[in-house]
């Protein structure tokens, strides 16, 4: 939900200079190297498949700092029910946006008709249209009025794969199942969400859209780094390393930093 956002997402920028720290799930020792991301443990190392969906959180769960909510949304399940059927995905990548404290946030300069949902009650969906091309979805968190939210960047479709794949293929190329919700626009298409869903409540277990926390913490290591497609100060990974993803998950999108516009590059060459 940046003021300038690229449609794609991605692999870490190996040219970045932030320190990388890795903590294995079974030790507290750390190692560092020069990359654009930081990796931390995500609980004990337990073999087997990802934990299934657990309980729907109460609204108070979202009344926490946006960074904590973002990190804890990894591994959570989002289920969308429509007349066509039901699709559930497991979140593998998110970004945090912190309202007036964040130059990359839609709410940095205050409330508008477009971002009004961000200023409301937590646990609701904030949906916006990016550059007139596609929609992106976010989960509102923090006390009403703070306008913080978490962008849902990517996920693994775990139920309703055929329906989600058909939705994506109707909009363009989808060459493998890992690509179905790999990126914020693709995720929105897979779940059949648009601006009409802005403000939807995620906490009704029987509603058309519901979020469930994982039954157990994700077993994957968690990486963090710069947000995708955010211009200006908000895109600096050393100041705002507010993108989190499950390390090694094939559905995580590809990182691409903001590229200066051609006109700006031409001016620099003069």
Protein backbone atom coordinates (compact mmCIF):
# COMPACT_ATOMS: atom_id res chain seq x y z
CA UNK A 1 0.00 0.00 0.00
CA UNK A 2 2.72 2.42 -0.95
CA UNK A 3 2.16 5.80 -2.56
CA UNK A 4 4.06 4.36 -5.56
CA UNK A 5 3.91 0.59 -5.90
CA UNK A 6 5.11 -1.85 -8.55
CA UNK A 7 2.74 -4.64 -9.57
CA UNK A 8 5.28 -7.40 -8.97
CA UNK A 9 7.04 -8.52 -5.80
CA UNK A 10 10.09 -10.54 -4.89
CA UNK A 11 13.44 -12.16 -4.17
CA UNK A 12 15.76 -10.23 -1.89
CA UNK A 13 17.83 -7.44 -3.41
CA UNK A 14 21.38 -8.77 -3.18
CA UNK A 15 22.73 -5.28 -3.80
CA UNK A 16 21.27 -3.94 -0.57
CA UNK A 17 23.53 -3.23 2.38
CA UNK A 18 21.44 -4.03 5.45
CA UNK A 19 22.74 -6.76 7.76
CA UNK A 20 21.28 -10.23 7.50
CA UNK A 21 20.88 -12.21 10.71
CA UNK A 22 19.94 -15.87 10.72
CA UNK A 23 18.72 -17.75 13.78
CA UNK A 24 18.06 -21.43 13.27
CA UNK A 25 14.96 -22.86 14.98
CA UNK A 26 17.13 -24.93 17.32
CA UNK A 27 19.87 -22.49 18.35
CA UNK A 28 20.34 -18.89 19.42
CA UNK A 29 23.64 -18.41 17.59
CA UNK A 30 23.56 -15.82 14.77
CA UNK A 31 25.58 -15.17 11.64
CA UNK A 32 25.66 -11.99 9.56
CA UNK A 33 26.41 -11.16 5.96
CA UNK A 34 25.72 -8.25 3.62
CA UNK A 35 22.25 -8.60 2.09
CA UNK A 36 18.91 -6.82 2.08
CA UNK A 37 17.10 -9.00 4.59
CA UNK A 38 17.07 -10.33 8.13
CA UNK A 39 15.99 -13.83 9.08
CA UNK A 40 14.66 -14.93 12.46
CA UNK A 41 13.37 -18.19 13.88
CA UNK A 42 9.67 -18.98 13.69
CA UNK A 43 9.40 -21.42 16.57
CA UNK A 44 10.66 -24.91 17.14
CA UNK A 45 11.87 -27.02 14.23
CA UNK A 46 9.08 -29.57 13.80
CA UNK A 47 8.96 -31.74 10.68
CA UNK A 48 5.77 -32.23 8.69
CA UNK A 49 3.21 -30.19 6.81
CA UNK A 50 2.23 -26.64 7.71
CA UNK A 51 -0.21 -26.41 10.62
CA UNK A 52 -3.83 -26.09 9.56
CA UNK A 53 -6.19 -23.22 10.36
CA UNK A 54 -7.06 -22.62 13.99
CA UNK A 55 -9.29 -20.04 15.67
CA UNK A 56 -10.63 -16.76 14.35
CA UNK A 57 -8.88 -14.06 16.44
CA UNK A 58 -10.92 -11.54 18.37
CA UNK A 59 -10.75 -7.86 17.48
CA UNK A 60 -8.35 -7.17 20.32
CA UNK A 61 -5.72 -9.31 18.57
CA UNK A 62 -5.41 -6.58 15.94
CA UNK A 63 -5.06 -3.79 18.54
CA UNK A 64 -1.27 -4.22 18.55
CA UNK A 65 1.61 -2.50 16.77
CA UNK A 66 1.33 -3.09 13.03
CA UNK A 67 4.75 -4.80 12.90
CA UNK A 68 3.65 -7.43 15.44
CA UNK A 69 0.39 -8.06 13.62
CA UNK A 70 2.19 -8.35 10.27
CA UNK A 71 4.70 -10.86 11.57
CA UNK A 72 1.99 -12.94 13.24
CA UNK A 73 -0.18 -13.02 10.12
CA UNK A 74 2.39 -15.22 8.37
CA UNK A 75 0.93 -18.72 8.19
CA UNK A 76 -2.62 -17.44 8.80
CA UNK A 77 -5.47 -18.64 6.56
CA UNK A 78 -7.88 -16.44 4.59
CA UNK A 79 -11.07 -18.07 3.31
CA UNK A 80 -13.29 -16.48 0.67
CA UNK A 81 -16.81 -17.82 0.07
CA UNK A 82 -18.72 -16.88 -3.09
CA UNK A 83 -21.50 -18.38 -5.21
CA UNK A 84 -18.76 -20.03 -7.30
CA UNK A 85 -17.27 -21.86 -4.33
CA UNK A 86 -14.72 -21.49 -1.56
CA UNK A 87 -11.00 -20.65 -1.74
CA UNK A 88 -8.57 -20.70 1.18
CA UNK A 89 -4.99 -19.53 1.11
CA UNK A 90 -2.16 -19.52 3.63
CA UNK A 91 -0.33 -16.21 3.92
CA UNK A 92 3.38 -16.38 3.07
CA UNK A 93 4.30 -12.71 2.61
CA UNK A 94 3.06 -9.42 4.09
CA UNK A 95 4.07 -5.76 4.47
CA UNK A 96 3.36 -3.34 7.33
CA UNK A 97 2.26 0.29 6.87
CA UNK A 98 2.11 2.58 9.90
CA UNK A 99 -0.11 5.53 9.03
CA UNK A 100 1.21 8.97 9.98
CA UNK A 101 4.53 7.44 11.09
CA UNK A 102 5.25 5.97 7.66
CA UNK A 103 6.00 7.98 4.49
CA UNK A 104 5.16 4.87 2.44
CA UNK A 105 1.60 4.68 3.75
CA UNK A 106 -1.54 5.91 2.00
CA UNK A 107 -2.49 7.51 5.33
CA UNK A 108 0.75 9.45 5.82
CA UNK A 109 -0.89 12.73 4.81
CA UNK A 110 -4.22 12.09 6.50
CA UNK A 111 -7.67 10.76 5.81
CA UNK A 112 -9.23 10.77 2.34
CA UNK A 113 -12.26 9.11 0.76
CA UNK A 114 -9.95 6.43 -0.64
CA UNK A 115 -8.21 5.45 2.61
CA UNK A 116 -11.09 6.04 5.07
CA UNK A 117 -11.31 2.36 6.01
CA UNK A 118 -7.75 2.50 7.36
CA UNK A 119 -8.92 4.90 10.07
CA UNK A 120 -11.71 2.63 11.22
CA UNK A 121 -12.11 -0.42 13.41
CA UNK A 122 -9.37 -3.08 13.20
CA UNK A 123 -9.99 -6.50 11.71
CA UNK A 124 -11.57 -5.11 8.54
CA UNK A 125 -10.33 -5.24 4.97
CA UNK A 126 -8.92 -2.15 3.23
CA UNK A 127 -9.08 -2.59 -0.55
CA UNK A 128 -7.65 -0.09 -3.01
CA UNK A 129 -7.15 0.03 -6.76
CA UNK A 130 -3.56 0.54 -7.83
CA UNK A 131 -2.89 2.72 -10.89
CA UNK A 132 -6.29 1.74 -12.28
CA UNK A 133 -4.96 -1.71 -13.12
CA UNK A 134 -5.62 -4.06 -10.21
CA UNK A 135 -6.68 -4.24 -6.57
CA UNK A 136 -4.64 -4.85 -3.41
CA UNK A 137 -5.98 -5.91 -0.02
CA UNK A 138 -4.89 -5.03 3.50
CA UNK A 139 -5.93 -5.88 7.04
CA UNK A 140 -6.57 -2.84 9.26
CA UNK A 141 -4.97 -2.99 12.70
CA UNK A 142 -4.27 -0.78 15.71
CA UNK A 143 -6.80 1.46 17.50
CA UNK A 144 -9.33 3.27 15.33
CA UNK A 145 -7.82 6.47 13.99
CA UNK A 146 -4.23 5.23 13.78
CA UNK A 147 -4.62 4.07 10.16
CA UNK A 148 -2.15 1.20 10.26
CA UNK A 149 -2.63 -1.83 8.04
CA UNK A 150 -0.92 -4.95 6.71
CA UNK A 151 -0.75 -5.57 2.97
CA UNK A 152 -1.35 -9.22 2.03
CA UNK A 153 1.41 -9.75 -0.54
CA UNK A 154 1.35 -13.48 -1.31
CA UNK A 155 -0.05 -16.83 -0.26
CA UNK A 156 -0.30 -20.54 -0.97
CA UNK A 157 -3.75 -21.69 -2.08
CA UNK A 158 -4.58 -24.73 0.05
CA UNK A 159 -8.26 -25.23 -0.79
CA UNK A 160 -10.22 -24.41 -3.93
CA UNK A 161 -7.11 -24.51 -6.11
CA UNK A 162 -9.07 -25.18 -9.30
CA UNK A 163 -11.39 -22.21 -8.77
CA UNK A 164 -8.53 -19.87 -7.84
CA UNK A 165 -6.50 -21.02 -10.86
CA UNK A 166 -9.47 -20.45 -13.19
CA UNK A 167 -9.90 -16.90 -11.85
CA UNK A 168 -6.26 -16.15 -12.49
CA UNK A 169 -6.24 -17.68 -15.97
CA UNK A 170 -9.28 -15.59 -16.87
CA UNK A 171 -7.21 -12.48 -16.08
CA UNK A 172 -3.94 -13.55 -17.70
CA UNK A 173 -1.14 -16.10 -17.67
CA UNK A 174 -0.85 -18.47 -14.68
CA UNK A 175 1.72 -21.13 -15.59
CA UNK A 176 1.86 -22.99 -12.26
CA UNK A 177 -0.07 -23.28 -9.02
CA UNK A 178 2.66 -21.49 -7.07
CA UNK A 179 1.91 -18.41 -9.19
CA UNK A 180 -1.80 -18.30 -8.34
CA UNK A 181 -1.45 -15.87 -5.41
CA UNK A 182 2.22 -14.90 -5.78
CA UNK A 183 1.96 -11.13 -5.50
CA UNK A 184 -0.73 -8.77 -4.12
CA UNK A 185 -2.71 -8.33 -7.34
CA UNK A 186 -2.74 -12.08 -8.03
CA UNK A 187 -3.81 -12.82 -4.46
CA UNK A 188 -6.74 -10.44 -4.83
CA UNK A 189 -7.85 -12.07 -8.09
CA UNK A 190 -7.54 -15.57 -6.60
CA UNK A 191 -9.87 -14.53 -3.76
CA UNK A 192 -12.23 -12.59 -6.08
CA UNK A 193 -11.93 -9.33 -4.12
CA UNK A 194 -12.33 -5.75 -5.34
CA UNK A 195 -13.32 -2.31 -4.06
CA UNK A 196 -16.81 -3.57 -3.27
CA UNK A 197 -15.17 -5.58 -0.46
CA UNK A 198 -13.54 -2.54 1.15
CA UNK A 199 -14.49 -2.55 4.83
CA UNK A 200 -15.42 -6.26 4.94
CA UNK A 201 -15.19 -7.83 8.40
CA UNK A 202 -12.65 -10.67 8.62
CA UNK A 203 -13.82 -11.96 12.00
CA UNK A 204 -17.20 -13.58 11.24
CA UNK A 205 -16.56 -17.36 11.09
CA UNK A 206 -19.62 -17.83 8.89
CA UNK A 207 -19.13 -14.74 6.75
CA UNK A 208 -18.04 -14.46 3.10
CA UNK A 209 -14.48 -13.63 4.16
CA UNK A 210 -12.77 -14.91 7.30
CA UNK A 211 -9.24 -14.98 8.68
CA UNK A 212 -8.01 -17.80 10.93
CA UNK A 213 -4.70 -17.95 12.74
CA UNK A 214 -2.59 -21.09 12.24
CA UNK A 215 -3.18 -23.88 14.72
CA UNK A 216 0.54 -23.67 15.55
CA UNK A 217 3.29 -21.14 14.70
CA UNK A 218 4.83 -21.53 11.21
CA UNK A 219 7.82 -23.85 11.19
CA UNK A 220 9.57 -21.82 8.50
CA UNK A 221 12.24 -19.22 9.26
CA UNK A 222 10.93 -15.70 8.73
CA UNK A 223 12.82 -13.11 6.67
CA UNK A 224 12.38 -9.36 6.68
CA UNK A 225 13.57 -6.68 4.28
CA UNK A 226 12.59 -3.58 2.28
CA UNK A 227 9.06 -3.21 0.97
CA UNK A 228 8.38 -3.67 -2.73
CA UNK A 229 7.81 -0.75 -5.07
CA UNK A 230 7.82 1.95 -2.37
CA UNK A 231 9.45 5.17 -3.52
CA UNK A 232 11.30 7.78 -1.47
CA UNK A 233 12.24 7.43 2.18
CA UNK A 234 9.55 4.81 2.81
CA UNK A 235 11.34 2.45 0.44
CA UNK A 236 14.62 2.49 2.39
CA UNK A 237 15.26 -0.96 3.81
CA UNK A 238 17.53 0.39 6.55
CA UNK A 239 14.71 2.58 7.91
CA UNK A 240 11.62 0.55 6.96
CA UNK A 241 12.45 -3.18 6.69
CA UNK A 242 8.73 -3.85 7.03
CA UNK A 243 8.20 -6.72 4.60
CA UNK A 244 8.04 -10.21 6.12
CA UNK A 245 7.97 -13.55 4.35
CA UNK A 246 8.39 -17.27 5.01
CA UNK A 247 11.96 -18.05 4.00
CA UNK A 248 12.21 -20.44 1.07
CA UNK A 249 8.48 -20.62 0.35
CA UNK A 250 7.98 -20.86 -3.44
CA UNK A 251 4.88 -18.62 -3.40
CA UNK A 252 6.78 -15.58 -2.07
CA UNK A 253 6.92 -12.87 -4.72
CA UNK A 254 10.02 -11.44 -6.42
CA UNK A 255 11.57 -8.32 -4.88
CA UNK A 256 12.12 -5.39 -7.25
CA UNK A 257 13.21 -1.98 -5.97
CA UNK A 258 11.69 1.19 -7.41
CA UNK A 259 13.27 2.14 -10.75
CA UNK A 260 13.64 5.88 -11.48
CA UNK A 261 11.34 7.10 -14.23
CA UNK A 262 12.91 7.55 -17.65
CA UNK A 263 12.49 11.33 -17.52
CA UNK A 264 14.28 11.47 -14.16
CA UNK A 265 17.14 9.36 -15.52
CA UNK A 266 17.43 11.67 -18.53
CA UNK A 267 17.69 14.71 -16.25
CA UNK A 268 20.44 13.02 -14.27
CA UNK A 269 22.37 12.38 -17.49
CA UNK A 270 22.30 16.08 -18.53
